């Protein structure tokens, strides 16, 4: 939620703040509208907090969101391999040009 305004500061939009407030109120009222959302909110019994030595780091309770990973390893690997091979060819050409230019230098 929110967006980074610099490397350390995240700014929440009005919609983000409203979602947080609505979630809190649904949890506080307890009328069935509230549900745990991985990576966002969790209602944890005090016994669970006690098991974790009262450490209140949110990630211990909320967890990570379930995100679909559309990363295609084979495609990315093939792309990186081709880029690397092109760089090796460029390196060889540059090394040859450097060696030729060094041979032209008279000391």
Protein backbone atom coordinates (compact mmCIF):
# COMPACT_ATOMS: atom_id res chain seq x y z
CA UNK A 1 0.00 0.00 0.00
CA UNK A 2 1.10 3.55 -0.54
CA UNK A 3 4.04 4.74 -2.58
CA UNK A 4 7.61 5.64 -1.70
CA UNK A 5 8.36 9.36 -1.70
CA UNK A 6 12.02 8.63 -0.95
CA UNK A 7 14.03 5.57 0.04
CA UNK A 8 12.73 5.53 3.60
CA UNK A 9 9.32 7.19 3.56
CA UNK A 10 6.10 5.63 2.28
CA UNK A 11 3.07 7.85 1.79
CA UNK A 12 -0.45 6.41 2.05
CA UNK A 13 -3.24 7.66 -0.19
CA UNK A 14 -6.65 8.57 1.18
CA UNK A 15 -7.97 5.26 -0.20
CA UNK A 16 -5.22 3.34 1.63
CA UNK A 17 -6.03 5.10 4.90
CA UNK A 18 -9.74 4.44 4.39
CA UNK A 19 -9.08 0.73 3.76
CA UNK A 20 -7.04 0.50 6.97
CA UNK A 21 -9.72 2.35 8.96
CA UNK A 22 -12.55 0.24 7.52
CA UNK A 23 -10.64 -2.96 8.29
CA UNK A 24 -9.98 -1.82 11.87
CA UNK A 25 -13.62 -0.87 12.42
CA UNK A 26 -14.84 -4.19 10.97
CA UNK A 27 -12.47 -6.03 13.31
CA UNK A 28 -13.37 -3.91 16.34
CA UNK A 29 -17.13 -4.24 15.83
CA UNK A 30 -16.78 -7.97 15.07
CA UNK A 31 -19.95 -8.25 13.02
CA UNK A 32 -18.61 -10.76 10.53
CA UNK A 33 -17.31 -8.25 7.97
CA UNK A 34 -13.71 -8.70 9.09
CA UNK A 35 -11.48 -11.42 7.66
CA UNK A 36 -7.73 -11.97 7.86
CA UNK A 37 -5.87 -11.00 4.69
CA UNK A 38 -2.35 -12.38 4.25
CA UNK A 39 0.18 -9.59 4.12
CA UNK A 40 -2.33 -7.01 5.39
CA UNK A 41 -4.16 -7.96 8.58
CA UNK A 42 -4.65 -10.77 11.08
CA UNK A 43 -6.61 -11.10 14.28
CA UNK A 44 -4.34 -13.05 16.61
CA UNK A 45 -5.24 -14.38 20.06
CA UNK A 46 -3.10 -13.23 22.97
CA UNK A 47 -1.93 -16.83 23.48
CA UNK A 48 -0.20 -16.71 20.10
CA UNK A 49 1.48 -13.41 21.02
CA UNK A 50 2.64 -15.00 24.29
CA UNK A 51 4.09 -17.99 22.35
CA UNK A 52 6.18 -15.50 20.36
CA UNK A 53 7.46 -13.81 23.57
CA UNK A 54 5.24 -10.76 23.02
CA UNK A 55 7.26 -9.66 19.98
CA UNK A 56 4.89 -7.47 17.98
CA UNK A 57 6.60 -7.58 14.60
CA UNK A 58 3.63 -7.62 12.18
CA UNK A 59 5.15 -10.16 9.79
CA UNK A 60 5.09 -12.84 12.48
CA UNK A 61 1.32 -12.68 12.54
CA UNK A 62 0.21 -11.29 9.19
CA UNK A 63 2.60 -13.23 6.93
CA UNK A 64 3.32 -12.49 3.31
CA UNK A 65 0.66 -11.90 0.67
CA UNK A 66 -0.04 -14.65 -1.83
CA UNK A 67 1.22 -13.14 -5.07
CA UNK A 68 1.17 -14.75 -8.45
CA UNK A 69 4.66 -14.89 -9.87
CA UNK A 70 4.59 -14.52 -13.65
CA UNK A 71 8.36 -15.02 -13.81
CA UNK A 72 9.32 -17.41 -16.63
CA UNK A 73 12.73 -18.80 -15.73
CA UNK A 74 13.44 -20.38 -19.13
CA UNK A 75 12.63 -17.18 -21.01
CA UNK A 76 14.67 -15.00 -18.64
CA UNK A 77 17.61 -17.42 -18.63
CA UNK A 78 17.68 -17.58 -22.44
CA UNK A 79 17.56 -13.78 -22.60
CA UNK A 80 20.41 -13.37 -20.09
CA UNK A 81 22.50 -16.06 -21.77
CA UNK A 82 22.17 -14.33 -25.17
CA UNK A 83 23.09 -10.98 -23.60
CA UNK A 84 26.12 -12.53 -21.89
CA UNK A 85 27.30 -14.19 -25.12
CA UNK A 86 27.01 -10.86 -26.96
CA UNK A 87 29.07 -9.21 -24.23
CA UNK A 88 31.73 -11.92 -24.54
CA UNK A 89 31.97 -11.25 -28.29
CA UNK A 90 32.24 -7.51 -27.65
CA UNK A 91 34.94 -8.15 -25.05
CA UNK A 92 36.95 -10.22 -27.52
CA UNK A 93 36.70 -7.48 -30.17
CA UNK A 94 37.74 -4.80 -27.68
CA UNK A 95 40.67 -6.89 -26.44
CA UNK A 96 41.84 -7.36 -30.04
CA UNK A 97 41.57 -3.59 -30.72
CA UNK A 98 43.51 -2.80 -27.54
CA UNK A 99 46.26 -5.30 -28.42
CA UNK A 100 46.55 -3.85 -31.95
CA UNK A 101 46.79 -0.29 -30.59
CA UNK A 102 49.42 -1.31 -28.04
CA UNK A 103 51.49 -2.83 -30.84
CA UNK A 104 51.46 0.55 -32.63
CA UNK A 105 52.97 2.33 -29.64
CA UNK A 106 56.70 2.93 -30.09
CA UNK A 107 58.78 3.24 -26.95
